Protein backbone atom coordinates (compact mmCIF):
# COMPACT_ATOMS: atom_id res chain seq x y z
CA MET A 1 101.70 116.59 133.08
CA SER A 2 98.49 118.25 132.32
CA GLU A 3 97.29 118.67 128.64
CA ASN A 4 97.91 121.99 128.35
CA LYS A 5 101.42 121.65 129.49
CA ALA A 6 102.20 119.17 126.82
CA LYS A 7 104.93 119.82 124.33
CA ILE A 8 103.70 120.31 120.75
CA LEU A 9 105.82 120.37 117.60
CA VAL A 10 104.34 122.07 114.67
CA VAL A 11 106.16 121.25 111.34
CA GLU A 12 105.15 123.43 108.54
CA ASP A 13 107.01 124.91 105.71
CA GLU A 14 104.70 127.98 105.05
CA GLU A 15 105.59 130.45 107.83
CA SER A 16 102.13 132.29 108.09
CA ILE A 17 100.41 128.70 108.67
CA ARG A 18 103.05 127.73 111.03
CA ARG A 19 102.89 130.76 113.24
CA PHE A 20 99.07 130.91 113.12
CA ILE A 21 99.04 127.38 114.40
CA THR A 22 101.69 128.04 116.91
CA LEU A 23 100.00 131.22 118.14
CA ASN A 24 96.83 129.58 118.80
CA LEU A 25 98.39 126.58 120.74
CA ASN A 26 100.44 129.03 122.75
CA VAL A 27 97.24 130.83 123.78
CA ALA A 28 95.56 127.33 124.86
CA GLY A 29 98.59 126.87 127.11
CA PHE A 30 100.88 124.57 125.30
CA GLN A 31 104.51 124.39 124.86
CA VAL A 32 105.16 124.61 121.12
CA GLY A 33 108.27 124.21 119.09
CA GLU A 34 108.52 124.80 115.34
CA ALA A 35 110.31 123.46 112.60
CA SER A 36 110.02 124.20 108.96
CA SER A 37 111.35 121.38 107.28
CA GLY A 38 111.55 117.68 108.04
CA GLU A 39 115.33 117.79 108.93
CA ASP A 40 114.49 120.36 111.56
CA ALA A 41 111.77 118.47 112.85
CA LEU A 42 113.81 115.29 113.15
CA GLY A 43 116.49 117.34 115.25
CA LEU A 44 113.87 118.46 117.50
CA LEU A 45 112.41 114.97 118.25
CA LYS A 46 115.10 114.30 120.59
CA SER A 47 115.92 117.92 122.06
CA PHE A 48 112.36 119.00 122.28
CA ALA A 49 110.86 115.53 122.73
CA PRO A 50 107.19 116.35 121.91
CA GLN A 51 104.08 114.45 123.16
CA VAL A 52 102.36 115.55 119.91
CA VAL A 53 103.51 116.33 116.31
CA VAL A 54 101.39 118.61 113.84
CA LEU A 55 103.06 117.45 110.63
CA ASP A 56 102.52 119.01 107.08
CA ILE A 57 102.58 116.24 104.74
CA MET A 58 104.20 118.31 101.96
CA LEU A 59 107.59 119.45 103.08
CA PRO A 60 110.91 120.27 101.36
CA GLY A 61 113.28 117.87 101.52
CA ILE A 62 112.42 115.08 103.70
CA SER A 63 108.58 114.56 103.43
CA GLY A 64 106.10 114.67 106.13
CA LEU A 65 105.61 110.92 105.34
CA GLU A 66 109.20 110.17 105.79
CA VAL A 67 109.17 112.09 109.24
CA CYS A 68 106.01 110.41 110.23
CA GLN A 69 107.91 107.12 109.57
CA HIS A 70 110.86 107.87 111.65
CA ILE A 71 108.69 109.00 114.60
CA ARG A 72 106.98 105.48 114.77
CA GLU A 73 110.23 103.64 114.41
CA PHE A 74 112.10 105.64 117.09
CA ALA A 75 109.42 107.28 119.22
CA PRO A 76 106.30 105.48 118.90
CA GLU A 77 104.25 106.94 121.77
CA THR A 78 104.67 110.09 119.96
CA ILE A 79 100.98 111.42 118.75
CA VAL A 80 101.14 112.28 115.13
CA ILE A 81 98.61 114.54 113.32
CA MET A 82 99.12 115.09 109.96
CA LEU A 83 97.92 118.21 107.79
CA THR A 84 96.80 117.54 104.43
CA ALA A 85 95.56 119.80 101.39
CA LYS A 86 91.75 120.02 100.78
CA GLY A 87 90.56 117.33 98.63
CA GLN A 88 93.69 115.11 98.64
CA ASP A 89 91.88 112.15 99.85
CA THR A 90 95.17 110.03 98.76
CA ASP A 91 97.50 112.09 101.08
CA LYS A 92 95.00 111.40 103.85
CA ILE A 93 95.27 107.75 103.37
CA LEU A 94 98.93 107.55 103.13
CA GLY A 95 99.31 109.62 106.17
CA LEU A 96 97.53 107.00 108.08
CA ASP A 97 99.18 104.13 106.42
CA PHE A 98 102.53 105.57 107.46
CA GLY A 99 101.34 105.81 111.17
CA ALA A 100 99.84 108.97 111.46
CA ASP A 101 97.04 108.99 114.38
CA ASP A 102 94.71 111.51 112.68
CA TYR A 103 94.71 114.07 110.05
CA MET A 104 93.29 117.69 109.31
CA VAL A 105 92.50 119.22 106.10
CA LYS A 106 93.64 122.74 105.48
CA PRO A 107 92.21 125.29 105.80
CA PHE A 108 90.99 124.21 109.15
CA ASN A 109 89.70 125.86 112.43
CA PRO A 110 92.62 126.00 115.04
CA LEU A 111 90.22 125.49 117.86
CA GLU A 112 89.26 122.09 116.26
CA LEU A 113 93.08 121.19 116.11
CA ILE A 114 93.20 122.16 119.80
CA ALA A 115 90.08 120.19 120.76
CA ARG A 116 91.58 117.10 118.95
CA ILE A 117 95.27 117.38 120.71
CA LYS A 118 93.65 117.59 124.27
CA ALA A 119 91.08 114.66 123.60
CA ILE A 120 94.10 112.27 122.46
CA LEU A 121 96.24 113.39 125.27
CA ARG A 122 93.32 112.76 127.70
CA ARG A 123 92.77 109.30 126.16
CA THR A 124 96.54 108.27 126.43
CA ALA A 125 96.66 109.58 130.12
CA ASN A 126 93.76 107.55 131.00
CA LEU A 127 95.33 104.39 129.64
CA ARG A 128 98.47 105.04 131.81
CA ASN A 129 96.63 105.60 134.84
CA THR A 130 95.28 102.14 134.93
CA LYS A 131 96.88 98.69 136.10
CA GLN A 132 94.69 96.57 134.08
CA ILE A 133 96.00 93.83 131.59
CA ILE A 134 93.59 92.50 128.75
CA SER A 135 94.61 89.22 127.02
CA ASP A 136 92.95 87.12 124.48
CA LEU A 137 94.78 83.80 123.42
CA ASN A 138 98.11 84.82 122.38
CA LEU A 139 97.61 88.33 122.77
CA ARG A 140 98.19 90.78 125.68
CA LEU A 141 97.54 94.55 126.34
CA ASP A 142 99.43 96.10 129.16
CA LEU A 143 97.36 99.31 129.83
CA ALA A 144 99.74 100.52 132.43
CA ALA A 145 102.99 99.96 130.53
CA ASN A 146 101.26 101.08 127.28
CA LYS A 147 102.80 98.03 125.62
CA PHE A 148 101.08 95.35 123.30
CA PHE A 149 102.40 91.80 123.09
CA LYS A 150 101.79 89.04 120.48
CA ASN A 151 103.15 85.27 121.42
CA ASN A 152 105.06 87.26 124.27
CA ALA A 153 106.93 89.46 121.99
CA GLU A 154 106.24 93.49 122.20
CA THR A 155 104.77 94.68 119.09
CA GLU A 156 104.72 98.45 118.56
CA LEU A 157 101.35 100.25 118.34
CA THR A 158 100.58 103.76 117.48
CA PRO A 159 98.74 105.58 120.48
CA THR A 160 95.44 105.46 118.32
CA GLU A 161 95.86 101.62 117.31
CA PHE A 162 96.44 100.96 121.22
CA ALA A 163 93.46 102.82 122.11
CA LEU A 164 91.23 101.04 119.33
CA LEU A 165 92.51 97.66 120.30
CA LYS A 166 91.74 98.48 123.96
CA THR A 167 88.04 99.38 122.96
CA LEU A 168 87.66 96.15 120.97
CA MET A 169 89.17 93.94 123.50
CA GLU A 170 87.01 95.32 126.19
CA ASN A 171 83.98 94.25 124.20
CA PRO A 172 84.27 90.75 122.81
CA GLY A 173 81.51 89.17 120.80
CA ARG A 174 79.80 92.68 120.72
CA ALA A 175 79.07 94.69 117.34
CA LEU A 176 80.54 98.12 117.81
CA LYS A 177 78.96 100.67 115.46
CA ARG A 178 81.46 102.65 113.51
CA ASP A 179 80.10 106.07 114.60
CA ASP A 180 80.38 104.89 118.30
CA MET A 181 84.14 103.73 117.77
CA LEU A 182 84.90 107.25 116.46
CA ASP A 183 83.34 108.82 119.65
CA THR A 184 85.31 106.51 121.85
CA VAL A 185 88.74 106.67 120.23
CA TRP A 186 88.84 109.81 118.54
CA GLY A 187 86.34 111.96 120.98
CA GLU A 188 82.76 113.19 120.30
CA ASP A 189 84.06 116.43 118.85
CA TYR A 190 85.71 114.61 116.03
CA PHE A 191 84.65 115.50 112.68
CA GLY A 192 86.35 113.31 110.56
CA ASP A 193 84.71 110.16 108.43
CA THR A 194 84.65 106.54 109.08
CA LYS A 195 87.51 106.04 106.18
CA THR A 196 89.89 106.69 109.02
CA LEU A 197 88.89 104.25 111.11
CA ASP A 198 88.93 101.53 108.55
CA VAL A 199 92.49 102.38 107.78
CA HIS A 200 93.40 101.87 111.48
CA ILE A 201 91.50 98.41 111.39
CA ARG A 202 93.31 97.38 108.35
CA ARG A 203 96.86 98.48 110.09
CA LEU A 204 95.75 96.91 113.34
CA ARG A 205 95.16 93.68 111.68
CA GLU A 206 98.30 93.64 109.89
CA LYS A 207 99.98 93.78 113.24
CA ILE A 208 98.02 91.28 115.36
CA GLU A 209 96.44 88.79 112.97
CA ASP A 210 98.47 85.69 111.50
CA ASN A 211 96.59 86.12 108.32
CA PRO A 212 95.05 89.79 108.17
CA SER A 213 92.65 88.80 105.05
CA GLN A 214 91.20 86.11 107.17
CA PRO A 215 91.15 87.90 110.54
CA GLU A 216 90.45 85.79 113.68
CA TYR A 217 90.19 88.65 115.92
CA ILE A 218 88.76 91.66 114.51
CA LYS A 219 85.74 90.68 112.62
CA THR A 220 83.86 92.86 110.22
CA VAL A 221 79.98 93.54 110.70
CA TRP A 222 79.09 94.60 107.20
CA GLY A 223 77.04 97.92 106.93
CA TYR A 224 77.78 98.39 110.67
CA GLY A 225 81.14 98.30 112.33
CA TYR A 226 83.46 95.49 113.91
CA ARG A 227 83.27 92.92 116.57
CA TRP A 228 85.96 91.42 118.67
CA ARG A 229 85.92 87.59 118.50
CA GLN A 230 83.60 86.02 121.02
CA GLU A 231 85.67 84.35 123.91
CA SER A 232 85.14 80.70 124.09
């Protein structure tokens, strides 16, 4: 499936904003579904089966955070981009903590949203088009199957966590600069800040490390970035 034929679900209760986003995504060639509430979004996850969900965090009834949590439990490969209000830093962190791959602050340029969607779709497609398996001690990353295993038990990762782990595991012992990691995982057109990366690293440590507060695999390089452990 080409990136422009991908299905995008727009979940936004403000009709004018939802229609504006939908119009621009349609012009870009995507198949677009719309939902005005969290309840409607959950219903469309099965019937519409989107590759990407553009999800407002503030929704009537079931919140965007709850919808994101449901997606992570039942459709972990779905890409989630949260929409947050300007200046609501807490909402940004909450969205990432609940498993969102990225966020955008309203109001935003729809061309930036389209660029981000295309970048993350290309990234996930590239992961699926390889047969390589990366392993280290009790961890195994199967790029072809898009699966991660710890102690031979599968552990669910979000698409962004998967790409981030791949970047780290491919560079054992090498200090990776935060900005370079953002370019690699989120794309060179990404305009977010390094706080997004730090939250994803924290979530990743919680999934792969036996003791996240004393990480064995993902080391912090203070004032610079992160480093995967040096292979012995």
